[in-house]
Amino acid sequence: GPSGCGKSTLLHVLSGVIPRSVDVPMRAANLEASESYGYVFQDPDS
């Protein structure tokens, strides 16, 4: 998808980073996030 469309944010949701670690206003009828995962962020320093 084009830059800024939400690809990274979707990774955060699917991994559970949002909303477990980062509190962002969101709503989902159902969310089953990954329980055993490794994550490589776009910005490694983060």
All heavy atoms as atom14 arrays in JSON, in Angstrom:
{
  "sequence": "GPSGCGKSTLLHVLSGVIPRSVDVPMRAANLEASESYGYVFQDPDS",
  "atom14_mask": [
    [1, 1, 1, 1, 0, 0, 0, 0, 0, 0, 0, 0, 0, 0],
    [1, 1, 1, 1, 1, 1, 1, 0, 0, 0, 0, 0, 0, 0],
    [1, 1, 1, 1, 1, 1, 0, 0, 0, 0, 0, 0, 0, 0],
    [1, 1, 1, 1, 0, 0, 0, 0, 0, 0, 0, 0, 0, 0],
    [1, 1, 1, 1, 1, 1, 0, 0, 0, 0, 0, 0, 0, 0],
    [1, 1, 1, 1, 0, 0, 0, 0, 0, 0, 0, 0, 0, 0],
    [1, 1, 1, 1, 1, 1, 1, 1, 1, 0, 0, 0, 0, 0],
    [1, 1, 1, 1, 1, 1, 0, 0, 0, 0, 0, 0, 0, 0],
    [1, 1, 1, 1, 1, 1, 1, 0, 0, 0, 0, 0, 0, 0],
    [1, 1, 1, 1, 1, 1, 1, 1, 0, 0, 0, 0, 0, 0],
    [1, 1, 1, 1, 1, 1, 1, 1, 0, 0, 0, 0, 0, 0],
    [1, 1, 1, 1, 1, 1, 1, 1, 1, 1, 0, 0, 0, 0],
    [1, 1, 1, 1, 1, 1, 1, 0, 0, 0, 0, 0, 0, 0],
    [1, 1, 1, 1, 1, 1, 1, 1, 0, 0, 0, 0, 0, 0],
    [1, 1, 1, 1, 1, 1, 0, 0, 0, 0, 0, 0, 0, 0],
    [1, 1, 1, 1, 0, 0, 0, 0, 0, 0, 0, 0, 0, 0],
    [1, 1, 1, 1, 1, 1, 1, 0, 0, 0, 0, 0, 0, 0],
    [1, 1, 1, 1, 1, 1, 1, 1, 0, 0, 0, 0, 0, 0],
    [1, 1, 1, 1, 1, 1, 1, 0, 0, 0, 0, 0, 0, 0],
    [1, 1, 1, 1, 1, 1, 1, 1, 1, 1, 1, 0, 0, 0],
    [1, 1, 1, 1, 1, 1, 0, 0, 0, 0, 0, 0, 0, 0],
    [1, 1, 1, 1, 1, 1, 1, 0, 0, 0, 0, 0, 0, 0],
    [1, 1, 1, 1, 1, 1, 1, 1, 0, 0, 0, 0, 0, 0],
    [1, 1, 1, 1, 1, 1, 1, 0, 0, 0, 0, 0, 0, 0],
    [1, 1, 1, 1, 1, 1, 1, 0, 0, 0, 0, 0, 0, 0],
    [1, 1, 1, 1, 1, 1, 1, 1, 0, 0, 0, 0, 0, 0],
    [1, 1, 1, 1, 1, 1, 1, 1, 1, 1, 1, 0, 0, 0],
    [1, 1, 1, 1, 1, 0, 0, 0, 0, 0, 0, 0, 0, 0],
    [1, 1, 1, 1, 1, 0, 0, 0, 0, 0, 0, 0, 0, 0],
    [1, 1, 1, 1, 1, 1, 1, 1, 0, 0, 0, 0, 0, 0],
    [1, 1, 1, 1, 1, 1, 1, 1, 0, 0, 0, 0, 0, 0],
    [1, 1, 1, 1, 1, 1, 1, 1, 1, 0, 0, 0, 0, 0],
    [1, 1, 1, 1, 1, 0, 0, 0, 0, 0, 0, 0, 0, 0],
    [1, 1, 1, 1, 1, 1, 0, 0, 0, 0, 0, 0, 0, 0],
    [1, 1, 1, 1, 1, 1, 1, 1, 1, 0, 0, 0, 0, 0],
    [1, 1, 1, 1, 1, 1, 0, 0, 0, 0, 0, 0, 0, 0],
    [1, 1, 1, 1, 1, 1, 1, 1, 1, 1, 1, 1, 0, 0],
    [1, 1, 1, 1, 0, 0, 0, 0, 0, 0, 0, 0, 0, 0],
    [1, 1, 1, 1, 1, 1, 1, 1, 1, 1, 1, 1, 0, 0],
    [1, 1, 1, 1, 1, 1, 1, 0, 0, 0, 0, 0, 0, 0],
    [1, 1, 1, 1, 1, 1, 1, 1, 1, 1, 1, 0, 0, 0],
    [1, 1, 1, 1, 1, 1, 1, 1, 1, 0, 0, 0, 0, 0],
    [1, 1, 1, 1, 1, 1, 1, 1, 0, 0, 0, 0, 0, 0],
    [1, 1, 1, 1, 1, 1, 1, 0, 0, 0, 0, 0, 0, 0],
    [1, 1, 1, 1, 1, 1, 1, 1, 0, 0, 0, 0, 0, 0],
    [1, 1, 1, 1, 1, 1, 0, 0, 0, 0, 0, 0, 0, 0]
  ],
  "atom14_positions": [
    [[0.83, -1.19, 0.0], [0.0, 0.0, 0.0], [0.86, 1.23, 0.0], [2.06, 1.18, 0.33], [0.0, 0.0, 0.0], [0.0, 0.0, 0.0], [0.0, 0.0, 0.0], [0.0, 0.0, 0.0], [0.0, 0.0, 0.0], [0.0, 0.0, 0.0], [0.0, 0.0, 0.0], [0.0, 0.0, 0.0], [0.0, 0.0, 0.0], [0.0, 0.0, 0.0]],
    [[0.31, 2.39, -0.37], [1.1, 3.63, -0.4], [1.57, 4.04, 0.98], [0.98, 3.65, 2.0], [0.13, 4.65, -0.99], [-1.23, 4.09, -0.74], [-1.08, 2.61, -0.79], [0.0, 0.0, 0.0], [0.0, 0.0, 0.0], [0.0, 0.0, 0.0], [0.0, 0.0, 0.0], [0.0, 0.0, 0.0], [0.0, 0.0, 0.0], [0.0, 0.0, 0.0]],
    [[2.63, 4.82, 1.02], [3.17, 5.31, 2.29], [2.1, 6.04, 3.08], [1.38, 6.87, 2.55], [4.34, 6.26, 1.99], [4.82, 6.86, 3.17], [0.0, 0.0, 0.0], [0.0, 0.0, 0.0], [0.0, 0.0, 0.0], [0.0, 0.0, 0.0], [0.0, 0.0, 0.0], [0.0, 0.0, 0.0], [0.0, 0.0, 0.0], [0.0, 0.0, 0.0]],
    [[1.97, 5.67, 4.37], [1.01, 6.33, 5.25], [-0.37, 5.72, 5.25], [-1.28, 6.24, 5.91], [0.0, 0.0, 0.0], [0.0, 0.0, 0.0], [0.0, 0.0, 0.0], [0.0, 0.0, 0.0], [0.0, 0.0, 0.0], [0.0, 0.0, 0.0], [0.0, 0.0, 0.0], [0.0, 0.0, 0.0], [0.0, 0.0, 0.0], [0.0, 0.0, 0.0]],
    [[-0.56, 4.58, 4.56], [-1.91, 3.98, 4.49], [-2.26, 3.18, 5.73], [-3.41, 2.79, 5.91], [-2.04, 3.11, 3.24], [-1.15, 1.54, 3.31], [0.0, 0.0, 0.0], [0.0, 0.0, 0.0], [0.0, 0.0, 0.0], [0.0, 0.0, 0.0], [0.0, 0.0, 0.0], [0.0, 0.0, 0.0], [0.0, 0.0, 0.0], [0.0, 0.0, 0.0]],
    [[-1.28, 2.88, 6.59], [-1.58, 2.17, 7.82], [-0.99, 0.78, 7.93], [-1.35, 0.01, 8.82], [0.0, 0.0, 0.0], [0.0, 0.0, 0.0], [0.0, 0.0, 0.0], [0.0, 0.0, 0.0], [0.0, 0.0, 0.0], [0.0, 0.0, 0.0], [0.0, 0.0, 0.0], [0.0, 0.0, 0.0], [0.0, 0.0, 0.0], [0.0, 0.0, 0.0]],
    [[-0.05, 0.42, 7.05], [0.52, -0.92, 7.06], [1.22, -1.22, 8.39], [1.0, -2.28, 9.0], [1.51, -1.1, 5.9], [0.9, -0.88, 4.53], [1.9, -1.13, 3.42], [3.07, -0.19, 3.44], [2.7, 1.22, 3.15], [0.0, 0.0, 0.0], [0.0, 0.0, 0.0], [0.0, 0.0, 0.0], [0.0, 0.0, 0.0], [0.0, 0.0, 0.0]],
    [[2.05, -0.28, 8.85], [2.76, -0.48, 10.11], [1.78, -0.54, 11.28], [1.94, -1.35, 12.2], [3.77, 0.65, 10.34], [4.75, 0.68, 9.33], [0.0, 0.0, 0.0], [0.0, 0.0, 0.0], [0.0, 0.0, 0.0], [0.0, 0.0, 0.0], [0.0, 0.0, 0.0], [0.0, 0.0, 0.0], [0.0, 0.0, 0.0], [0.0, 0.0, 0.0]],
    [[0.76, 0.31, 11.23], [-0.24, 0.31, 12.3], [-0.98, -1.01, 12.35], [-1.27, -1.53, 13.44], [-1.25, 1.46, 12.07], [-0.54, 2.7, 12.03], [-2.28, 1.51, 13.19], [0.0, 0.0, 0.0], [0.0, 0.0, 0.0], [0.0, 0.0, 0.0], [0.0, 0.0, 0.0], [0.0, 0.0, 0.0], [0.0, 0.0, 0.0], [0.0, 0.0, 0.0]],
    [[-1.27, -1.58, 11.19], [-1.95, -2.88, 11.17], [-1.07, -3.97, 11.78], [-1.57, -4.85, 12.5], [-2.32, -3.25, 9.73], [-3.12, -4.54, 9.56], [-4.44, -4.48, 10.35], [-3.4, -4.83, 8.09], [0.0, 0.0, 0.0], [0.0, 0.0, 0.0], [0.0, 0.0, 0.0], [0.0, 0.0, 0.0], [0.0, 0.0, 0.0], [0.0, 0.0, 0.0]],
    [[0.23, -3.91, 11.54], [1.13, -4.86, 12.19], [1.05, -4.72, 13.7], [1.08, -5.71, 14.43], [2.58, -4.64, 11.73], [2.96, -4.98, 10.29], [4.47, -4.91, 10.12], [2.46, -6.35, 9.87], [0.0, 0.0, 0.0], [0.0, 0.0, 0.0], [0.0, 0.0, 0.0], [0.0, 0.0, 0.0], [0.0, 0.0, 0.0], [0.0, 0.0, 0.0]],
    [[0.98, -3.48, 14.18], [0.87, -3.24, 15.62], [-0.41, -3.87, 16.18], [-0.39, -4.43, 17.28], [0.85, -1.73, 15.91], [2.14, -1.04, 15.6], [2.23, 0.33, 15.44], [3.38, -1.53, 15.4], [3.49, 0.64, 15.17], [4.2, -0.47, 15.14], [0.0, 0.0, 0.0], [0.0, 0.0, 0.0], [0.0, 0.0, 0.0], [0.0, 0.0, 0.0]],
    [[-1.49, -3.79, 15.43], [-2.77, -4.35, 15.89], [-2.72, -5.87, 15.88], [-3.11, -6.54, 16.84], [-3.93, -3.83, 15.02], [-5.23, -4.56, 15.37], [-4.1, -2.33, 15.2], [0.0, 0.0, 0.0], [0.0, 0.0, 0.0], [0.0, 0.0, 0.0], [0.0, 0.0, 0.0], [0.0, 0.0, 0.0], [0.0, 0.0, 0.0], [0.0, 0.0, 0.0]],
    [[-2.23, -6.45, 14.79], [-2.19, -7.91, 14.66], [-1.25, -8.55, 15.67], [-1.45, -9.7, 16.08], [-1.78, -8.3, 13.24], [-2.77, -7.94, 12.13], [-2.17, -8.27, 10.76], [-4.09, -8.69, 12.32], [0.0, 0.0, 0.0], [0.0, 0.0, 0.0], [0.0, 0.0, 0.0], [0.0, 0.0, 0.0], [0.0, 0.0, 0.0], [0.0, 0.0, 0.0]],
    [[-0.22, -7.82, 16.07], [0.72, -8.34, 17.06], [0.24, -8.1, 18.49], [0.74, -8.72, 19.43], [2.1, -7.7, 16.88], [2.03, -6.31, 17.13], [0.0, 0.0, 0.0], [0.0, 0.0, 0.0], [0.0, 0.0, 0.0], [0.0, 0.0, 0.0], [0.0, 0.0, 0.0], [0.0, 0.0, 0.0], [0.0, 0.0, 0.0], [0.0, 0.0, 0.0]],
    [[-0.7, -7.16, 18.64], [-1.18, -6.82, 19.98], [-0.45, -5.65, 20.61], [-0.75, -5.25, 21.73], [0.0, 0.0, 0.0], [0.0, 0.0, 0.0], [0.0, 0.0, 0.0], [0.0, 0.0, 0.0], [0.0, 0.0, 0.0], [0.0, 0.0, 0.0], [0.0, 0.0, 0.0], [0.0, 0.0, 0.0], [0.0, 0.0, 0.0], [0.0, 0.0, 0.0]],
    [[0.56, -5.08, 19.89], [1.24, -3.89, 20.4], [0.21, -2.79, 20.65], [0.25, -2.08, 21.65], [2.32, -3.43, 19.41], [2.89, -2.07, 19.82], [3.45, -4.45, 19.33], [0.0, 0.0, 0.0], [0.0, 0.0, 0.0], [0.0, 0.0, 0.0], [0.0, 0.0, 0.0], [0.0, 0.0, 0.0], [0.0, 0.0, 0.0], [0.0, 0.0, 0.0]],
    [[-0.75, -2.67, 19.71], [-1.96, -1.87, 19.91], [-3.09, -2.86, 20.13], [-3.32, -3.73, 19.3], [-2.28, -0.99, 18.69], [-1.19, 0.07, 18.46], [-3.64, -0.3, 18.85], [-1.4, 0.93, 17.21], [0.0, 0.0, 0.0], [0.0, 0.0, 0.0], [0.0, 0.0, 0.0], [0.0, 0.0, 0.0], [0.0, 0.0, 0.0], [0.0, 0.0, 0.0]],
    [[-3.8, -2.85, 21.24], [-3.78, -1.82, 22.28], [-3.05, -2.24, 23.57], [-3.09, -1.51, 24.54], [-5.27, -1.66, 22.58], [-5.8, -3.06, 22.43], [-5.0, -3.7, 21.33], [0.0, 0.0, 0.0], [0.0, 0.0, 0.0], [0.0, 0.0, 0.0], [0.0, 0.0, 0.0], [0.0, 0.0, 0.0], [0.0, 0.0, 0.0], [0.0, 0.0, 0.0]],
    [[-2.35, -3.4, 23.57], [-1.74, -3.89, 24.81], [-0.67, -2.94, 25.35], [-0.64, -2.66, 26.55], [-1.12, -5.27, 24.59], [-2.12, -6.39, 24.29], [-1.35, -7.66, 23.93], [-2.23, -8.73, 23.46], [-1.79, -9.84, 22.87], [-0.48, -10.0, 22.69], [-2.65, -10.75, 22.46], [0.0, 0.0, 0.0], [0.0, 0.0, 0.0], [0.0, 0.0, 0.0]],
    [[0.21, -2.49, 24.46], [1.33, -1.65, 24.9], [1.14, -0.19, 24.55], [1.62, 0.69, 25.28], [2.64, -2.16, 24.26], [2.9, -3.5, 24.63], [0.0, 0.0, 0.0], [0.0, 0.0, 0.0], [0.0, 0.0, 0.0], [0.0, 0.0, 0.0], [0.0, 0.0, 0.0], [0.0, 0.0, 0.0], [0.0, 0.0, 0.0], [0.0, 0.0, 0.0]],
    [[0.48, 0.09, 23.46], [0.25, 1.46, 23.01], [-1.25, 1.7, 23.01], [-2.0, 1.02, 22.31], [0.83, 1.71, 21.61], [0.57, 3.15, 21.18], [2.32, 1.4, 21.59], [0.0, 0.0, 0.0], [0.0, 0.0, 0.0], [0.0, 0.0, 0.0], [0.0, 0.0, 0.0], [0.0, 0.0, 0.0], [0.0, 0.0, 0.0], [0.0, 0.0, 0.0]],
    [[-1.67, 2.66, 23.8], [-3.1, 2.95, 23.94], [-3.54, 3.9, 22.84], [-3.25, 5.1, 22.88], [-3.38, 3.56, 25.32], [-4.87, 3.71, 25.59], [-5.67, 3.1, 24.85], [-5.24, 4.43, 26.54], [0.0, 0.0, 0.0], [0.0, 0.0, 0.0], [0.0, 0.0, 0.0], [0.0, 0.0, 0.0], [0.0, 0.0, 0.0], [0.0, 0.0, 0.0]],
    [[-4.21, 3.37, 21.83], [-4.71, 4.15, 20.71], [-6.22, 3.91, 20.59], [-6.66, 2.76, 20.67], [-4.02, 3.74, 19.39], [-4.63, 4.49, 18.21], [-2.53, 4.04, 19.47], [0.0, 0.0, 0.0], [0.0, 0.0, 0.0], [0.0, 0.0, 0.0], [0.0, 0.0, 0.0], [0.0, 0.0, 0.0], [0.0, 0.0, 0.0], [0.0, 0.0, 0.0]],
    [[-7.01, 4.96, 20.41], [-8.45, 4.77, 20.25], [-8.77, 3.87, 19.07], [-8.45, 4.19, 17.93], [-8.96, 6.2, 20.01], [-7.95, 7.09, 20.64], [-6.64, 6.39, 20.43], [0.0, 0.0, 0.0], [0.0, 0.0, 0.0], [0.0, 0.0, 0.0], [0.0, 0.0, 0.0], [0.0, 0.0, 0.0], [0.0, 0.0, 0.0], [0.0, 0.0, 0.0]],
    [[-9.34, 2.73, 19.34], [-9.67, 1.77, 18.29], [-10.89, 0.96, 18.68], [-11.27, 0.88, 19.85], [-8.5, 0.83, 18.0], [-8.08, -0.05, 19.18], [-7.08, -1.46, 18.67], [-8.34, -2.56, 18.0], [0.0, 0.0, 0.0], [0.0, 0.0, 0.0], [0.0, 0.0, 0.0], [0.0, 0.0, 0.0], [0.0, 0.0, 0.0], [0.0, 0.0, 0.0]],
    [[-11.5, 0.36, 17.68], [-12.64, -0.51, 17.93], [-12.61, -1.65, 16.92], [-12.29, -1.45, 15.75], [-13.94, 0.28, 17.77], [-15.19, -0.53, 18.15], [-16.43, 0.33, 18.12], [-16.79, 0.7, 16.76], [-17.77, 1.56, 16.46], [-18.45, 2.15, 17.43], [-18.04, 1.84, 15.21], [0.0, 0.0, 0.0], [0.0, 0.0, 0.0], [0.0, 0.0, 0.0]],
    [[-12.9, -2.84, 17.39], [-12.97, -4.01, 16.52], [-14.03, -4.96, 17.07], [-14.12, -5.16, 18.28], [-11.62, -4.71, 16.45], [0.0, 0.0, 0.0], [0.0, 0.0, 0.0], [0.0, 0.0, 0.0], [0.0, 0.0, 0.0], [0.0, 0.0, 0.0], [0.0, 0.0, 0.0], [0.0, 0.0, 0.0], [0.0, 0.0, 0.0], [0.0, 0.0, 0.0]],
    [[-14.83, -5.5, 16.16], [-15.86, -6.46, 16.58], [-15.21, -7.7, 17.16], [-15.75, -8.34, 18.07], [-16.75, -6.83, 15.4], [0.0, 0.0, 0.0], [0.0, 0.0, 0.0], [0.0, 0.0, 0.0], [0.0, 0.0, 0.0], [0.0, 0.0, 0.0], [0.0, 0.0, 0.0], [0.0, 0.0, 0.0], [0.0, 0.0, 0.0], [0.0, 0.0, 0.0]],
    [[-14.03, -8.04, 16.66], [-13.29, -9.2, 17.16], [-11.82, -9.01, 16.84], [-11.46, -8.55, 15.77], [-13.81, -10.49, 16.5], [-13.18, -11.73, 17.12], [-12.71, -11.7, 18.26], [-13.15, -12.81, 16.37], [0.0, 0.0, 0.0], [0.0, 0.0, 0.0], [0.0, 0.0, 0.0], [0.0, 0.0, 0.0], [0.0, 0.0, 0.0], [0.0, 0.0, 0.0]],
    [[-10.96, -9.33, 17.8], [-9.52, -9.22, 17.6], [-8.82, -10.38, 18.27], [-8.88, -10.55, 19.49], [-8.99, -7.89, 18.16], [-7.46, -7.7, 18.12], [-6.93, -7.78, 16.69], [-7.07, -6.37, 18.77], [0.0, 0.0, 0.0], [0.0, 0.0, 0.0], [0.0, 0.0, 0.0], [0.0, 0.0, 0.0], [0.0, 0.0, 0.0], [0.0, 0.0, 0.0]],
    [[-8.15, -11.18, 17.47], [-7.35, -12.29, 17.97], [-5.91, -12.04, 17.54], [-5.53, -12.32, 16.41], [-7.85, -13.62, 17.42], [-9.28, -13.95, 17.83], [-9.81, -15.21, 17.17], [-8.97, -15.96, 16.59], [-11.04, -15.43, 17.19], [0.0, 0.0, 0.0], [0.0, 0.0, 0.0], [0.0, 0.0, 0.0], [0.0, 0.0, 0.0], [0.0, 0.0, 0.0]],
    [[-5.13, -11.46, 18.44], [-3.75, -11.1, 18.12], [-2.81, -12.29, 18.34], [-3.18, -13.27, 19.02], [-3.31, -9.92, 18.98], [0.0, 0.0, 0.0], [0.0, 0.0, 0.0], [0.0, 0.0, 0.0], [0.0, 0.0, 0.0], [0.0, 0.0, 0.0], [0.0, 0.0, 0.0], [0.0, 0.0, 0.0], [0.0, 0.0, 0.0], [0.0, 0.0, 0.0]],
    [[-1.62, -12.2, 17.78], [-0.64, -13.25, 17.94], [-0.14, -13.32, 19.38], [0.04, -12.29, 20.03], [0.54, -13.01, 16.99], [1.55, -13.97, 17.18], [0.0, 0.0, 0.0], [0.0, 0.0, 0.0], [0.0, 0.0, 0.0], [0.0, 0.0, 0.0], [0.0, 0.0, 0.0], [0.0, 0.0, 0.0], [0.0, 0.0, 0.0], [0.0, 0.0, 0.0]],
    [[0.08, -14.53, 19.89], [0.56, -14.7, 21.26], [2.06, -14.94, 21.32], [2.72, -14.6, 22.29], [-0.18, -15.88, 21.91], [-1.68, -15.65, 22.1], [-1.97, -14.48, 23.03], [-1.16, -14.22, 23.94], [-3.01, -13.82, 22.83], [0.0, 0.0, 0.0], [0.0, 0.0, 0.0], [0.0, 0.0, 0.0], [0.0, 0.0, 0.0], [0.0, 0.0, 0.0]],
    [[2.62, -15.54, 20.28], [4.05, -15.81, 20.23], [4.62, -15.15, 18.98], [4.45, -15.66, 17.88], [4.32, -17.32, 20.21], [5.69, -17.59, 19.95], [0.0, 0.0, 0.0], [0.0, 0.0, 0.0], [0.0, 0.0, 0.0], [0.0, 0.0, 0.0], [0.0, 0.0, 0.0], [0.0, 0.0, 0.0], [0.0, 0.0, 0.0], [0.0, 0.0, 0.0]],
    [[5.27, -13.99, 19.16], [5.71, -13.27, 17.98], [7.03, -12.54, 18.23], [7.4, -12.22, 19.35], [4.64, -12.26, 17.53], [4.47, -11.07, 18.44], [5.21, -9.91, 18.24], [3.57, -11.1, 19.51], [5.06, -8.81, 19.07], [3.41, -10.0, 20.34], [4.16, -8.86, 20.12], [4.01, -7.77, 20.93], [0.0, 0.0, 0.0], [0.0, 0.0, 0.0]],
    [[7.71, -12.29, 17.13], [8.87, -11.39, 17.11], [8.54, -10.25, 16.19], [7.82, -10.42, 15.2], [0.0, 0.0, 0.0], [0.0, 0.0, 0.0], [0.0, 0.0, 0.0], [0.0, 0.0, 0.0], [0.0, 0.0, 0.0], [0.0, 0.0, 0.0], [0.0, 0.0, 0.0], [0.0, 0.0, 0.0], [0.0, 0.0, 0.0], [0.0, 0.0, 0.0]],
    [[9.03, -9.06, 16.51], [8.66, -7.87, 15.75], [9.93, -7.1, 15.39], [10.75, -6.8, 16.26], [7.74, -6.99, 16.6], [6.9, -6.0, 15.83], [5.51, -6.01, 15.91], [7.48, -5.02, 15.02], [4.73, -5.12, 15.21], [6.72, -4.12, 14.32], [5.34, -4.16, 14.41], [4.57, -3.27, 13.71], [0.0, 0.0, 0.0], [0.0, 0.0, 0.0]],
    [[10.07, -6.77, 14.11], [11.16, -5.9, 13.67], [10.54, -4.6, 13.21], [9.85, -4.55, 12.19], [11.98, -6.54, 12.53], [13.08, -5.58, 12.07], [12.59, -7.86, 12.98], [0.0, 0.0, 0.0], [0.0, 0.0, 0.0], [0.0, 0.0, 0.0], [0.0, 0.0, 0.0], [0.0, 0.0, 0.0], [0.0, 0.0, 0.0], [0.0, 0.0, 0.0]],
    [[10.77, -3.53, 13.99], [10.16, -2.25, 13.71], [10.84, -1.56, 12.53], [12.0, -1.83, 12.2], [10.24, -1.33, 14.93], [9.27, -1.67, 16.02], [9.53, -2.73, 16.88], [8.11, -0.95, 16.18], [8.64, -3.05, 17.89], [7.21, -1.27, 17.18], [7.47, -2.32, 18.05], [0.0, 0.0, 0.0], [0.0, 0.0, 0.0], [0.0, 0.0, 0.0]],
    [[10.11, -0.65, 11.9], [10.64, 0.13, 10.8], [11.84, 0.96, 11.26], [12.83, 1.08, 10.54], [9.54, 1.05, 10.28], [9.76, 1.58, 8.88], [8.54, 2.31, 8.37], [7.87, 3.0, 9.14], [8.25, 2.2, 7.1], [0.0, 0.0, 0.0], [0.0, 0.0, 0.0], [0.0, 0.0, 0.0], [0.0, 0.0, 0.0], [0.0, 0.0, 0.0]],
    [[11.76, 1.5, 12.45], [12.85, 2.26, 13.04], [13.47, 1.39, 14.14], [12.88, 1.24, 15.21], [12.34, 3.57, 13.63], [13.43, 4.34, 14.39], [14.61, 3.98, 14.24], [13.08, 5.29, 15.11], [0.0, 0.0, 0.0], [0.0, 0.0, 0.0], [0.0, 0.0, 0.0], [0.0, 0.0, 0.0], [0.0, 0.0, 0.0], [0.0, 0.0, 0.0]],
    [[14.64, 0.79, 13.91], [15.21, -0.14, 14.89], [15.46, 0.48, 16.26], [15.35, -0.2, 17.27], [16.52, -0.6, 14.23], [16.83, 0.44, 13.21], [15.52, 0.96, 12.73], [0.0, 0.0, 0.0], [0.0, 0.0, 0.0], [0.0, 0.0, 0.0], [0.0, 0.0, 0.0], [0.0, 0.0, 0.0], [0.0, 0.0, 0.0], [0.0, 0.0, 0.0]],
    [[15.77, 1.78, 16.3], [16.03, 2.42, 17.59], [14.83, 2.34, 18.52], [14.98, 2.36, 19.74], [16.41, 3.89, 17.39], [17.86, 4.05, 16.94], [18.73, 3.38, 17.52], [18.11, 4.84, 16.02], [0.0, 0.0, 0.0], [0.0, 0.0, 0.0], [0.0, 0.0, 0.0], [0.0, 0.0, 0.0], [0.0, 0.0, 0.0], [0.0, 0.0, 0.0]],
    [[13.64, 2.25, 17.95], [12.43, 2.27, 18.76], [12.19, 0.96, 19.52], [11.29, 0.88, 20.36], [11.21, 2.58, 17.9], [10.99, 1.56, 16.94], [0.0, 0.0, 0.0], [0.0, 0.0, 0.0], [0.0, 0.0, 0.0], [0.0, 0.0, 0.0], [0.0, 0.0, 0.0], [0.0, 0.0, 0.0], [0.0, 0.0, 0.0], [0.0, 0.0, 0.0]]
  ]
}
